[in-house]
Amino acid sequence: MKQELDVLSVVDDDRGKEKSTEISSVETEEAHRETAFSENQKSEDILLEDMTKEQLIEKVEEEEAASQKNYDLYLRSQAEIENLKKRYQKDQQGLVKFANESLIKQLLPVADNLEKALDHSKNETSVDALREGVDLTLKALMDVLQKAGVDAIEAVGSPFDPNFHEAVSEMEDDGVETGTVLKDLQKGYTLNQRLLRPSMVVVSRKTA
């Protein structure tokens, strides 16, 4: 048993020596690196101090060339930034100028229908033909507006809402609740649920 303990003790001592040797080796390597770096730094300083006049002039010329190169890169970058700004402004102007192009294209057939209705009315004595043409044109126009997110406000018969209605006058009517919209003098519209124009309405009130 004692022999086994002695063996284990020897093994532990050997392992400790190995670890100590490894740590010592790492520390020595790091010390060598620091020494080499310090020597190189000193060497560079010495070389710079020991440069001849011609070498110093050459060194200055190299630095000036590098400086000029960096300055040229800076000027080129500034020019590219300015070109990007101008291109962005041009694109923005184009977007603003032609923002309604799609909507206008959809409205052109409405104008065509109006022209056809007027031409047709010249050849027909009946007013019904003109009315039918105008009705079809109005329907086409409302379809275009609806596709663009425009909806008419249905005011008649609903309670007066100051967010969507503008009261022009009041009318006595005991058949409905006070504050009910009786007439829609001018339709109101919303664009994607945001008010474009309020409805001009007549509101009911009780008989005095």
N, C-alpha and C. Protein backbone atom coordinates (compact mmCIF):
# COMPACT_ATOMS: atom_id res chain seq x y z
N MET A 1 0.84 -1.20 0.00
CA MET A 1 0.00 0.00 0.00
C MET A 1 0.87 1.25 0.00
N LYS A 2 1.94 1.19 0.83
CA LYS A 2 2.86 2.31 0.91
C LYS A 2 3.56 2.53 -0.42
N GLN A 3 3.89 1.41 -1.08
CA GLN A 3 4.57 1.52 -2.37
C GLN A 3 3.66 2.21 -3.40
N GLU A 4 2.36 1.85 -3.34
CA GLU A 4 1.42 2.47 -4.27
C GLU A 4 1.33 3.96 -4.03
N LEU A 5 1.30 4.38 -2.78
CA LEU A 5 1.23 5.80 -2.45
C LEU A 5 2.47 6.53 -2.93
N ASP A 6 3.63 5.83 -2.77
CA ASP A 6 4.88 6.44 -3.23
C ASP A 6 4.86 6.64 -4.74
N VAL A 7 4.32 5.63 -5.43
CA VAL A 7 4.22 5.73 -6.89
C VAL A 7 3.33 6.89 -7.29
N LEU A 8 2.14 7.00 -6.65
CA LEU A 8 1.21 8.09 -6.96
C LEU A 8 1.85 9.43 -6.68
N SER A 9 2.61 9.49 -5.60
CA SER A 9 3.28 10.74 -5.24
C SER A 9 4.28 11.13 -6.30
N VAL A 10 5.02 10.13 -6.80
CA VAL A 10 6.00 10.41 -7.86
C VAL A 10 5.31 10.89 -9.13
N VAL A 11 4.17 10.22 -9.45
CA VAL A 11 3.42 10.61 -10.64
C VAL A 11 2.93 12.04 -10.51
N ASP A 12 2.36 12.37 -9.35
CA ASP A 12 1.86 13.74 -9.13
C ASP A 12 2.98 14.74 -9.25
N ASP A 13 4.17 14.37 -8.70
CA ASP A 13 5.31 15.29 -8.80
C ASP A 13 5.71 15.51 -10.25
N ASP A 14 5.69 14.39 -11.02
CA ASP A 14 6.05 14.50 -12.43
C ASP A 14 5.07 15.38 -13.18
N ARG A 15 3.73 15.20 -12.89
CA ARG A 15 2.71 16.01 -13.55
C ARG A 15 2.89 17.48 -13.20
N GLY A 16 3.17 17.73 -11.91
CA GLY A 16 3.37 19.12 -11.49
C GLY A 16 4.55 19.74 -12.19
N LYS A 17 5.64 18.93 -12.36
CA LYS A 17 6.81 19.43 -13.06
C LYS A 17 6.50 19.73 -14.51
N GLU A 18 5.68 18.82 -15.14
CA GLU A 18 5.31 19.03 -16.54
C GLU A 18 4.51 20.32 -16.70
N LYS A 19 3.52 20.52 -15.80
CA LYS A 19 2.70 21.74 -15.87
C LYS A 19 3.56 22.97 -15.66
N SER A 20 4.48 22.84 -14.67
CA SER A 20 5.36 23.97 -14.39
C SER A 20 6.24 24.28 -15.59
N THR A 21 6.70 23.20 -16.25
CA THR A 21 7.54 23.37 -17.44
C THR A 21 6.76 24.04 -18.57
N GLU A 22 5.47 23.61 -18.74
CA GLU A 22 4.63 24.19 -19.80
C GLU A 22 4.40 25.67 -19.54
N ILE A 23 4.05 26.03 -18.29
CA ILE A 23 3.80 27.44 -17.95
C ILE A 23 5.05 28.26 -18.16
N SER A 24 6.19 27.69 -17.72
CA SER A 24 7.46 28.39 -17.88
C SER A 24 7.78 28.61 -19.35
N SER A 25 7.46 27.61 -20.18
CA SER A 25 7.72 27.72 -21.62
C SER A 25 6.88 28.83 -22.25
N VAL A 26 5.58 28.89 -21.86
CA VAL A 26 4.69 29.93 -22.39
C VAL A 26 5.15 31.31 -21.98
N GLU A 27 5.52 31.43 -20.69
CA GLU A 27 5.97 32.74 -20.20
C GLU A 27 7.25 33.17 -20.92
N THR A 28 8.14 32.19 -21.16
CA THR A 28 9.39 32.50 -21.86
C THR A 28 9.12 32.97 -23.28
N GLU A 29 8.16 32.28 -23.96
CA GLU A 29 7.82 32.65 -25.34
C GLU A 29 7.23 34.05 -25.40
N GLU A 30 6.35 34.38 -24.46
CA GLU A 30 5.75 35.72 -24.42
C GLU A 30 6.82 36.77 -24.16
N ALA A 31 7.75 36.42 -23.25
CA ALA A 31 8.83 37.37 -22.95
C ALA A 31 9.68 37.62 -24.18
N HIS A 32 9.96 36.55 -24.94
CA HIS A 32 10.73 36.70 -26.17
C HIS A 32 10.02 37.60 -27.17
N ARG A 33 8.67 37.43 -27.28
CA ARG A 33 7.89 38.24 -28.22
C ARG A 33 7.96 39.72 -27.83
N GLU A 34 7.78 39.99 -26.53
CA GLU A 34 7.83 41.38 -26.08
C GLU A 34 9.21 41.99 -26.33
N THR A 35 10.24 41.18 -26.09
CA THR A 35 11.60 41.67 -26.31
C THR A 35 11.84 41.96 -27.79
N ALA A 36 11.36 41.03 -28.63
CA ALA A 36 11.55 41.20 -30.08
C ALA A 36 10.82 42.44 -30.57
N PHE A 37 9.57 42.64 -30.07
CA PHE A 37 8.80 43.82 -30.48
C PHE A 37 9.50 45.10 -30.05
N SER A 38 10.03 45.09 -28.82
CA SER A 38 10.72 46.27 -28.31
C SER A 38 11.97 46.54 -29.12
N GLU A 39 12.71 45.46 -29.46
CA GLU A 39 13.91 45.64 -30.25
C GLU A 39 13.61 46.16 -31.65
N ASN A 40 12.52 45.62 -32.25
CA ASN A 40 12.13 46.10 -33.59
C ASN A 40 11.75 47.57 -33.56
N GLN A 41 11.01 47.95 -32.49
CA GLN A 41 10.59 49.34 -32.37
C GLN A 41 11.80 50.25 -32.25
N LYS A 42 12.74 49.81 -31.40
CA LYS A 42 13.95 50.61 -31.25
C LYS A 42 14.74 50.66 -32.55
N SER A 43 14.72 49.52 -33.26
CA SER A 43 15.44 49.46 -34.53
C SER A 43 14.86 50.44 -35.53
N GLU A 44 13.53 50.53 -35.56
CA GLU A 44 12.89 51.46 -36.48
C GLU A 44 13.23 52.90 -36.11
N ASP A 45 13.19 53.18 -34.79
CA ASP A 45 13.51 54.53 -34.36
C ASP A 45 14.95 54.89 -34.73
N ILE A 46 15.80 53.93 -34.52
CA ILE A 46 17.21 54.17 -34.84
C ILE A 46 17.38 54.38 -36.34
N LEU A 47 16.70 53.54 -37.13
CA LEU A 47 16.81 53.67 -38.58
C LEU A 47 16.31 55.02 -39.04
N LEU A 48 15.20 55.50 -38.44
CA LEU A 48 14.66 56.80 -38.82
C LEU A 48 15.63 57.91 -38.45
N GLU A 49 16.25 57.77 -37.31
CA GLU A 49 17.20 58.80 -36.87
C GLU A 49 18.47 58.78 -37.70
N ASP A 50 18.82 57.58 -38.14
CA ASP A 50 20.07 57.44 -38.89
C ASP A 50 19.91 57.65 -40.39
N MET A 51 18.65 58.00 -40.82
CA MET A 51 18.43 58.20 -42.25
C MET A 51 19.26 59.36 -42.78
N THR A 52 19.71 59.20 -44.00
CA THR A 52 20.44 60.28 -44.66
C THR A 52 19.44 61.32 -45.17
N LYS A 53 19.96 62.41 -45.64
CA LYS A 53 19.11 63.48 -46.16
C LYS A 53 18.29 62.99 -47.34
N GLU A 54 18.93 62.22 -48.22
CA GLU A 54 18.22 61.70 -49.40
C GLU A 54 17.10 60.74 -48.99
N GLN A 55 17.39 59.91 -47.98
CA GLN A 55 16.38 58.97 -47.51
C GLN A 55 15.20 59.70 -46.87
N LEU A 56 15.51 60.75 -46.11
CA LEU A 56 14.42 61.53 -45.50
C LEU A 56 13.56 62.21 -46.55
N ILE A 57 14.21 62.74 -47.59
CA ILE A 57 13.46 63.38 -48.67
C ILE A 57 12.57 62.36 -49.37
N GLU A 58 13.12 61.17 -49.60
CA GLU A 58 12.34 60.10 -50.23
C GLU A 58 11.15 59.71 -49.36
N LYS A 59 11.39 59.65 -48.03
CA LYS A 59 10.32 59.32 -47.10
C LYS A 59 9.22 60.37 -47.13
N VAL A 60 9.60 61.64 -47.14
CA VAL A 60 8.62 62.74 -47.21
C VAL A 60 7.83 62.67 -48.50
N GLU A 61 8.51 62.37 -49.61
CA GLU A 61 7.82 62.27 -50.90
C GLU A 61 6.81 61.12 -50.89
N GLU A 62 7.17 60.03 -50.27
CA GLU A 62 6.24 58.90 -50.15
C GLU A 62 5.01 59.29 -49.36
N GLU A 63 5.24 60.01 -48.25
CA GLU A 63 4.10 60.43 -47.42
C GLU A 63 3.22 61.42 -48.16
N GLU A 64 3.86 62.33 -48.93
CA GLU A 64 3.08 63.29 -49.71
C GLU A 64 2.25 62.59 -50.78
N ALA A 65 2.83 61.58 -51.41
CA ALA A 65 2.10 60.82 -52.43
C ALA A 65 0.90 60.09 -51.83
N ALA A 66 1.11 59.50 -50.63
CA ALA A 66 0.00 58.81 -49.95
C ALA A 66 -1.08 59.80 -49.56
N SER A 67 -0.63 61.00 -49.08
CA SER A 67 -1.59 62.04 -48.70
C SER A 67 -2.41 62.50 -49.90
N GLN A 68 -1.72 62.71 -51.05
CA GLN A 68 -2.42 63.14 -52.26
C GLN A 68 -3.41 62.09 -52.74
N LYS A 69 -3.02 60.81 -52.62
CA LYS A 69 -3.90 59.73 -53.02
C LYS A 69 -5.16 59.71 -52.17
N ASN A 70 -5.00 59.88 -50.85
CA ASN A 70 -6.15 59.92 -49.94
C ASN A 70 -7.04 61.12 -50.23
N TYR A 71 -6.41 62.27 -50.57
CA TYR A 71 -7.18 63.47 -50.89
C TYR A 71 -7.99 63.26 -52.16
N ASP A 72 -7.37 62.61 -53.16
CA ASP A 72 -8.08 62.32 -54.41
C ASP A 72 -9.28 61.39 -54.15
N LEU A 73 -9.07 60.40 -53.28
CA LEU A 73 -10.18 59.50 -52.93
C LEU A 73 -11.29 60.26 -52.22
N TYR A 74 -10.91 61.20 -51.38
CA TYR A 74 -11.90 62.03 -50.69
C TYR A 74 -12.72 62.86 -51.68
N LEU A 75 -12.02 63.51 -52.63
CA LEU A 75 -12.72 64.32 -53.63
C LEU A 75 -13.67 63.46 -54.47
N ARG A 76 -13.20 62.26 -54.82
CA ARG A 76 -14.04 61.36 -55.63
C ARG A 76 -15.28 60.93 -54.84
N SER A 77 -15.11 60.67 -53.55
CA SER A 77 -16.25 60.28 -52.71
C SER A 77 -17.25 61.42 -52.61
N GLN A 78 -16.74 62.65 -52.44
CA GLN A 78 -17.63 63.80 -52.37
C GLN A 78 -18.42 63.98 -53.67
N ALA A 79 -17.73 63.77 -54.80
CA ALA A 79 -18.40 63.90 -56.09
C ALA A 79 -19.49 62.84 -56.25
N GLU A 80 -19.21 61.62 -55.81
CA GLU A 80 -20.20 60.55 -55.89
C GLU A 80 -21.41 60.85 -55.01
N ILE A 81 -21.15 61.42 -53.82
CA ILE A 81 -22.26 61.78 -52.92
C ILE A 81 -23.13 62.86 -53.55
N GLU A 82 -22.49 63.86 -54.18
CA GLU A 82 -23.25 64.91 -54.84
C GLU A 82 -24.09 64.36 -55.99
N ASN A 83 -23.51 63.43 -56.75
CA ASN A 83 -24.25 62.81 -57.86
C ASN A 83 -25.46 62.02 -57.33
N LEU A 84 -25.26 61.32 -56.20
CA LEU A 84 -26.37 60.57 -55.60
C LEU A 84 -27.47 61.51 -55.15
N LYS A 85 -27.09 62.65 -54.56
CA LYS A 85 -28.09 63.64 -54.12
C LYS A 85 -28.90 64.17 -55.30
N LYS A 86 -28.19 64.51 -56.38
CA LYS A 86 -28.88 65.04 -57.56
C LYS A 86 -29.82 63.99 -58.16
N ARG A 87 -29.34 62.74 -58.20
CA ARG A 87 -30.17 61.67 -58.76
C ARG A 87 -31.42 61.45 -57.89
N TYR A 88 -31.22 61.50 -56.57
CA TYR A 88 -32.36 61.33 -55.65
C TYR A 88 -33.38 62.45 -55.83
N GLN A 89 -32.88 63.70 -55.92
CA GLN A 89 -33.79 64.83 -56.12
C GLN A 89 -34.55 64.71 -57.44
N LYS A 90 -33.86 64.26 -58.48
CA LYS A 90 -34.50 64.09 -59.78
C LYS A 90 -35.59 63.01 -59.71
N ASP A 91 -35.28 61.91 -59.02
CA ASP A 91 -36.26 60.84 -58.88
C ASP A 91 -37.47 61.31 -58.08
N GLN A 92 -37.22 62.10 -57.03
CA GLN A 92 -38.32 62.62 -56.22
C GLN A 92 -39.21 63.54 -57.03
N GLN A 93 -38.60 64.40 -57.83
CA GLN A 93 -39.38 65.30 -58.68
C GLN A 93 -40.23 64.52 -59.67
N GLY A 94 -39.64 63.43 -60.20
CA GLY A 94 -40.40 62.59 -61.12
C GLY A 94 -41.57 61.92 -60.45
N LEU A 95 -41.37 61.46 -59.21
CA LEU A 95 -42.45 60.81 -58.47
C LEU A 95 -43.59 61.79 -58.21
N VAL A 96 -43.22 63.01 -57.81
CA VAL A 96 -44.25 64.02 -57.53
C VAL A 96 -44.99 64.41 -58.81
N LYS A 97 -44.23 64.55 -59.89
CA LYS A 97 -44.81 65.01 -61.16
C LYS A 97 -45.78 63.99 -61.74
N PHE A 98 -45.45 62.70 -61.59
CA PHE A 98 -46.27 61.66 -62.21
C PHE A 98 -46.94 60.76 -61.19
N ALA A 99 -47.13 61.27 -59.97
CA ALA A 99 -47.72 60.45 -58.90
C ALA A 99 -49.14 60.01 -59.24
N ASN A 100 -49.89 60.86 -59.97
CA ASN A 100 -51.30 60.58 -60.27
C ASN A 100 -51.48 59.94 -61.66
N GLU A 101 -50.40 59.49 -62.25
CA GLU A 101 -50.48 58.95 -63.61
C GLU A 101 -51.46 57.78 -63.70
N SER A 102 -51.38 56.85 -62.75
CA SER A 102 -52.24 55.68 -62.78
C SER A 102 -53.72 56.07 -62.66
N LEU A 103 -54.02 57.00 -61.74
CA LEU A 103 -55.41 57.44 -61.55
C LEU A 103 -55.93 58.15 -62.80
N ILE A 104 -55.09 58.98 -63.39
CA ILE A 104 -55.52 59.73 -64.58
C ILE A 104 -55.81 58.77 -65.74
N LYS A 105 -54.98 57.73 -65.88
CA LYS A 105 -55.23 56.75 -66.94
C LYS A 105 -56.59 56.09 -66.77
N GLN A 106 -56.97 55.84 -65.51
CA GLN A 106 -58.26 55.21 -65.25
C GLN A 106 -59.42 56.19 -65.50
N LEU A 107 -59.15 57.50 -65.38
CA LEU A 107 -60.20 58.50 -65.59
C LEU A 107 -60.42 58.82 -67.07
N LEU A 108 -59.45 58.51 -67.90
CA LEU A 108 -59.58 58.82 -69.33
C LEU A 108 -60.80 58.14 -69.97
N PRO A 109 -61.09 56.87 -69.67
CA PRO A 109 -62.31 56.27 -70.23
C PRO A 109 -63.59 56.98 -69.79
N VAL A 110 -63.57 57.58 -68.60
CA VAL A 110 -64.74 58.35 -68.13
C VAL A 110 -64.95 59.55 -69.03
N ALA A 111 -63.87 60.24 -69.36
CA ALA A 111 -63.96 61.38 -70.28
C ALA A 111 -64.45 60.92 -71.66
N ASP A 112 -63.98 59.75 -72.09
CA ASP A 112 -64.44 59.22 -73.38
C ASP A 112 -65.94 58.96 -73.36
N ASN A 113 -66.44 58.42 -72.25
CA ASN A 113 -67.88 58.13 -72.14
C ASN A 113 -68.71 59.41 -72.16
N LEU A 114 -68.20 60.46 -71.53
CA LEU A 114 -68.91 61.73 -71.55
C LEU A 114 -69.00 62.30 -72.97
N GLU A 115 -67.89 62.20 -73.69
CA GLU A 115 -67.89 62.68 -75.07
C GLU A 115 -68.87 61.87 -75.92
N LYS A 116 -68.92 60.57 -75.73
CA LYS A 116 -69.85 59.74 -76.49
C LYS A 116 -71.29 60.08 -76.15
N ALA A 117 -71.55 60.33 -74.84
CA ALA A 117 -72.92 60.67 -74.42
C ALA A 117 -73.37 61.97 -75.07
N LEU A 118 -72.46 62.95 -75.12
CA LEU A 118 -72.81 64.23 -75.75
C LEU A 118 -73.04 64.06 -77.24
N ASP A 119 -72.18 63.30 -77.88
CA ASP A 119 -72.36 63.06 -79.33
C ASP A 119 -73.66 62.33 -79.60
N HIS A 120 -73.98 61.36 -78.75
CA HIS A 120 -75.20 60.58 -78.93
C HIS A 120 -76.44 61.45 -78.74
N SER A 121 -76.35 62.40 -77.79
CA SER A 121 -77.51 63.26 -77.52
C SER A 121 -77.81 64.19 -78.70
N LYS A 122 -76.81 64.48 -79.50
CA LYS A 122 -77.03 65.36 -80.65
C LYS A 122 -77.84 64.67 -81.74
N ASN A 123 -77.71 63.35 -81.79
CA ASN A 123 -78.42 62.59 -82.81
C ASN A 123 -79.75 62.04 -82.33
N GLU A 124 -80.04 62.18 -81.04
CA GLU A 124 -81.29 61.66 -80.47
C GLU A 124 -82.12 62.80 -79.92
N THR A 125 -83.44 62.71 -80.13
CA THR A 125 -84.34 63.74 -79.60
C THR A 125 -84.75 63.43 -78.17
N SER A 126 -84.54 62.19 -77.75
CA SER A 126 -84.97 61.79 -76.42
C SER A 126 -83.93 62.21 -75.38
N VAL A 127 -84.45 62.73 -74.28
CA VAL A 127 -83.59 63.10 -73.15
C VAL A 127 -83.13 61.85 -72.41
N ASP A 128 -83.91 60.78 -72.56
CA ASP A 128 -83.57 59.54 -71.86
C ASP A 128 -82.21 59.01 -72.30
N ALA A 129 -81.90 59.18 -73.57
CA ALA A 129 -80.60 58.69 -74.08
C ALA A 129 -79.45 59.43 -73.41
N LEU A 130 -79.61 60.74 -73.26
CA LEU A 130 -78.57 61.52 -72.59
C LEU A 130 -78.45 61.14 -71.12
N ARG A 131 -79.61 60.95 -70.47
CA ARG A 131 -79.60 60.56 -69.06
C ARG A 131 -78.91 59.22 -68.87
N GLU A 132 -79.18 58.28 -69.76
CA GLU A 132 -78.56 56.96 -69.65
C GLU A 132 -77.04 57.06 -69.81
N GLY A 133 -76.60 57.89 -70.76
CA GLY A 133 -75.16 58.06 -70.97
C GLY A 133 -74.48 58.68 -69.76
N VAL A 134 -75.12 59.68 -69.17
CA VAL A 134 -74.55 60.32 -67.97
C VAL A 134 -74.51 59.35 -66.80
N ASP A 135 -75.58 58.56 -66.65
CA ASP A 135 -75.61 57.56 -65.57
C ASP A 135 -74.47 56.57 -65.70
N LEU A 136 -74.24 56.07 -66.92
CA LEU A 136 -73.16 55.12 -67.14
C LEU A 136 -71.79 55.75 -66.86
N THR A 137 -71.67 57.02 -67.26
CA THR A 137 -70.40 57.71 -67.04
C THR A 137 -70.15 57.92 -65.55
N LEU A 138 -71.18 58.31 -64.82
CA LEU A 138 -71.05 58.51 -63.38
C LEU A 138 -70.68 57.21 -62.67
N LYS A 139 -71.30 56.12 -63.12
CA LYS A 139 -70.98 54.81 -62.53
C LYS A 139 -69.52 54.45 -62.78
N ALA A 140 -69.07 54.70 -64.01
CA ALA A 140 -67.66 54.42 -64.33
C ALA A 140 -66.72 55.27 -63.48
N LEU A 141 -67.08 56.53 -63.28
CA LEU A 141 -66.26 57.43 -62.47
C LEU A 141 -66.19 56.95 -61.02
N MET A 142 -67.32 56.58 -60.45
CA MET A 142 -67.36 56.12 -59.07
C MET A 142 -66.58 54.82 -58.90
N ASP A 143 -66.59 53.98 -59.91
CA ASP A 143 -65.81 52.74 -59.85
C ASP A 143 -64.31 53.05 -59.76
N VAL A 144 -63.88 54.02 -60.57
CA VAL A 144 -62.47 54.41 -60.55
C VAL A 144 -62.09 54.98 -59.19
N LEU A 145 -62.93 55.87 -58.66
CA LEU A 145 -62.65 56.48 -57.36
C LEU A 145 -62.64 55.44 -56.24
N GLN A 146 -63.55 54.49 -56.33
CA GLN A 146 -63.62 53.45 -55.30
C GLN A 146 -62.36 52.59 -55.30
N LYS A 147 -61.85 52.28 -56.50
CA LYS A 147 -60.61 51.51 -56.60
C LYS A 147 -59.44 52.28 -55.99
N ALA A 148 -59.51 53.62 -56.03
CA ALA A 148 -58.45 54.46 -55.46
C ALA A 148 -58.63 54.67 -53.96
N GLY A 149 -59.67 54.06 -53.36
CA GLY A 149 -59.88 54.19 -51.92
C GLY A 149 -60.87 55.26 -51.53
N VAL A 150 -61.59 55.83 -52.52
CA VAL A 150 -62.56 56.89 -52.23
C VAL A 150 -63.94 56.27 -52.04
N ASP A 151 -64.60 56.65 -50.93
CA ASP A 151 -65.95 56.16 -50.64
C ASP A 151 -66.86 57.34 -50.33
N ALA A 152 -68.11 57.25 -50.83
CA ALA A 152 -69.10 58.29 -50.54
C ALA A 152 -69.67 58.09 -49.14
N ILE A 153 -69.94 59.17 -48.45
CA ILE A 153 -70.54 59.12 -47.11
C ILE A 153 -72.06 59.07 -47.27
N GLU A 154 -72.65 57.99 -46.78
CA GLU A 154 -74.11 57.87 -46.83
C GLU A 154 -74.69 58.54 -45.59
N ALA A 155 -75.20 59.76 -45.77
CA ALA A 155 -75.60 60.57 -44.63
C ALA A 155 -77.10 60.49 -44.31
N VAL A 156 -77.95 60.41 -45.33
CA VAL A 156 -79.40 60.49 -45.13
C VAL A 156 -79.89 59.34 -44.24
N GLY A 157 -80.65 59.72 -43.21
CA GLY A 157 -81.22 58.72 -42.31
C GLY A 157 -80.33 58.38 -41.12
N SER A 158 -79.10 58.85 -41.13
CA SER A 158 -78.19 58.55 -40.02
C SER A 158 -78.12 59.74 -39.06
N PRO A 159 -77.75 59.51 -37.81
CA PRO A 159 -77.61 60.62 -36.86
C PRO A 159 -76.52 61.59 -37.31
N PHE A 160 -76.73 62.85 -37.01
CA PHE A 160 -75.75 63.86 -37.40
C PHE A 160 -74.42 63.58 -36.70
N ASP A 161 -73.34 63.55 -37.47
CA ASP A 161 -72.00 63.30 -36.95
C ASP A 161 -71.10 64.45 -37.41
N PRO A 162 -70.67 65.31 -36.48
CA PRO A 162 -69.84 66.47 -36.87
C PRO A 162 -68.50 66.07 -37.48
N ASN A 163 -68.09 64.82 -37.30
CA ASN A 163 -66.83 64.37 -37.89
C ASN A 163 -66.94 64.16 -39.40
N PHE A 164 -68.20 63.93 -39.88
CA PHE A 164 -68.40 63.65 -41.30
C PHE A 164 -69.48 64.52 -41.93
N HIS A 165 -70.25 65.22 -41.13
CA HIS A 165 -71.36 66.03 -41.65
C HIS A 165 -71.16 67.49 -41.29
N GLU A 166 -71.66 68.35 -42.17
CA GLU A 166 -71.70 69.79 -41.90
C GLU A 166 -73.13 70.26 -42.10
N ALA A 167 -73.76 70.70 -40.99
CA ALA A 167 -75.17 71.10 -41.04
C ALA A 167 -75.32 72.46 -41.70
N VAL A 168 -76.16 72.49 -42.75
CA VAL A 168 -76.42 73.74 -43.45
C VAL A 168 -77.66 74.42 -42.88
N SER A 169 -78.66 73.59 -42.55
CA SER A 169 -79.90 74.12 -41.98
C SER A 169 -80.62 73.01 -41.21
N GLU A 170 -81.71 73.39 -40.54
CA GLU A 170 -82.54 72.44 -39.81
C GLU A 170 -83.95 72.45 -40.41
N MET A 171 -84.63 71.32 -40.24
CA MET A 171 -85.99 71.20 -40.74
C MET A 171 -86.83 70.48 -39.68
N GLU A 172 -88.04 71.00 -39.45
CA GLU A 172 -88.92 70.36 -38.47
C GLU A 172 -89.46 69.05 -39.01
N ASP A 173 -89.33 68.02 -38.19
CA ASP A 173 -89.83 66.69 -38.59
C ASP A 173 -90.00 65.86 -37.33
N ASP A 174 -91.26 65.60 -36.97
CA ASP A 174 -91.54 64.82 -35.77
C ASP A 174 -91.50 63.32 -36.02
N GLY A 175 -91.32 62.93 -37.27
CA GLY A 175 -91.31 61.50 -37.59
C GLY A 175 -89.98 60.82 -37.33
N VAL A 176 -88.94 61.60 -37.05
CA VAL A 176 -87.62 61.01 -36.79
C VAL A 176 -87.03 61.65 -35.53
N GLU A 177 -85.99 61.05 -35.05
CA GLU A 177 -85.31 61.60 -33.88
C GLU A 177 -84.64 62.93 -34.23
N THR A 178 -84.61 63.81 -33.26
CA THR A 178 -83.92 65.09 -33.45
C THR A 178 -82.45 64.84 -33.75
N GLY A 179 -81.92 65.57 -34.74
CA GLY A 179 -80.52 65.40 -35.12
C GLY A 179 -80.30 64.36 -36.20
N THR A 180 -81.41 63.91 -36.84
CA THR A 180 -81.27 62.96 -37.94
C THR A 180 -81.06 63.71 -39.25
N VAL A 181 -80.20 63.20 -40.10
CA VAL A 181 -79.94 63.84 -41.39
C VAL A 181 -81.12 63.55 -42.32
N LEU A 182 -81.77 64.63 -42.80
CA LEU A 182 -82.93 64.48 -43.68
C LEU A 182 -82.55 64.57 -45.16
N LYS A 183 -81.64 65.47 -45.47
CA LYS A 183 -81.25 65.67 -46.87
C LYS A 183 -79.73 65.79 -46.98
N ASP A 184 -79.25 65.30 -48.10
CA ASP A 184 -77.81 65.41 -48.40
C ASP A 184 -77.68 66.38 -49.58
N LEU A 185 -77.33 67.64 -49.28
CA LEU A 185 -77.25 68.65 -50.33
C LEU A 185 -75.98 68.50 -51.18
N GLN A 186 -74.95 68.00 -50.56
CA GLN A 186 -73.70 67.74 -51.29
C GLN A 186 -73.00 66.56 -50.62
N LYS A 187 -72.74 65.52 -51.41
CA LYS A 187 -72.16 64.31 -50.85
C LYS A 187 -70.75 64.57 -50.30
N GLY A 188 -70.47 63.87 -49.20
CA GLY A 188 -69.12 63.90 -48.65
C GLY A 188 -68.38 62.64 -49.05
N TYR A 189 -67.03 62.68 -48.95
CA TYR A 189 -66.23 61.54 -49.36
C TYR A 189 -65.06 61.32 -48.38
N THR A 190 -64.66 60.07 -48.29
CA THR A 190 -63.47 59.72 -47.50
C THR A 190 -62.46 59.03 -48.42
N LEU A 191 -61.19 59.16 -48.07
CA LEU A 191 -60.11 58.49 -48.79
C LEU A 191 -59.42 57.56 -47.80
N ASN A 192 -59.61 56.25 -48.03
CA ASN A 192 -59.05 55.25 -47.10
C ASN A 192 -59.44 55.58 -45.66
N GLN A 193 -60.74 55.88 -45.49
CA GLN A 193 -61.37 56.15 -44.19
C GLN A 193 -60.93 57.48 -43.58
N ARG A 194 -60.23 58.30 -44.31
CA ARG A 194 -59.90 59.64 -43.84
C ARG A 194 -60.76 60.64 -44.60
N LEU A 195 -61.31 61.62 -43.87
CA LEU A 195 -62.26 62.55 -44.48
C LEU A 195 -61.61 63.40 -45.56
N LEU A 196 -62.23 63.37 -46.74
CA LEU A 196 -61.83 64.26 -47.83
C LEU A 196 -62.69 65.52 -47.84
N ARG A 197 -64.00 65.30 -47.72
CA ARG A 197 -64.95 66.42 -47.74
C ARG A 197 -66.19 66.01 -46.96
N PRO A 198 -66.65 66.86 -46.02
CA PRO A 198 -67.85 66.50 -45.26
C PRO A 198 -69.12 66.65 -46.10
N SER A 199 -70.14 65.92 -45.72
CA SER A 199 -71.43 66.05 -46.40
C SER A 199 -72.14 67.31 -45.91
N MET A 200 -72.71 68.07 -46.86
CA MET A 200 -73.51 69.25 -46.52
C MET A 200 -74.95 68.79 -46.35
N VAL A 201 -75.46 68.85 -45.12
CA VAL A 201 -76.73 68.18 -44.82
C VAL A 201 -77.73 69.12 -44.16
N VAL A 202 -78.99 68.65 -44.22
CA VAL A 202 -80.10 69.30 -43.49
C VAL A 202 -80.46 68.35 -42.36
N VAL A 203 -80.57 68.90 -41.13
CA VAL A 203 -80.79 68.08 -39.95
C VAL A 203 -82.18 68.34 -39.38
N SER A 204 -82.80 67.30 -38.84
CA SER A 204 -84.16 67.41 -38.31
C SER A 204 -84.16 68.01 -36.90
N ARG A 205 -85.28 68.62 -36.57
CA ARG A 205 -85.54 69.08 -35.20
C ARG A 205 -87.03 68.96 -34.93
N LYS A 206 -87.37 68.90 -33.66
CA LYS A 206 -88.78 68.76 -33.28
C LYS A 206 -89.55 70.05 -33.54
N THR A 207 -90.85 69.87 -33.78
CA THR A 207 -91.70 71.05 -33.99
C THR A 207 -91.83 71.84 -32.70
N ALA A 208 -91.66 73.11 -32.80
CA ALA A 208 -91.71 73.96 -31.59
C ALA A 208 -93.13 74.01 -31.04
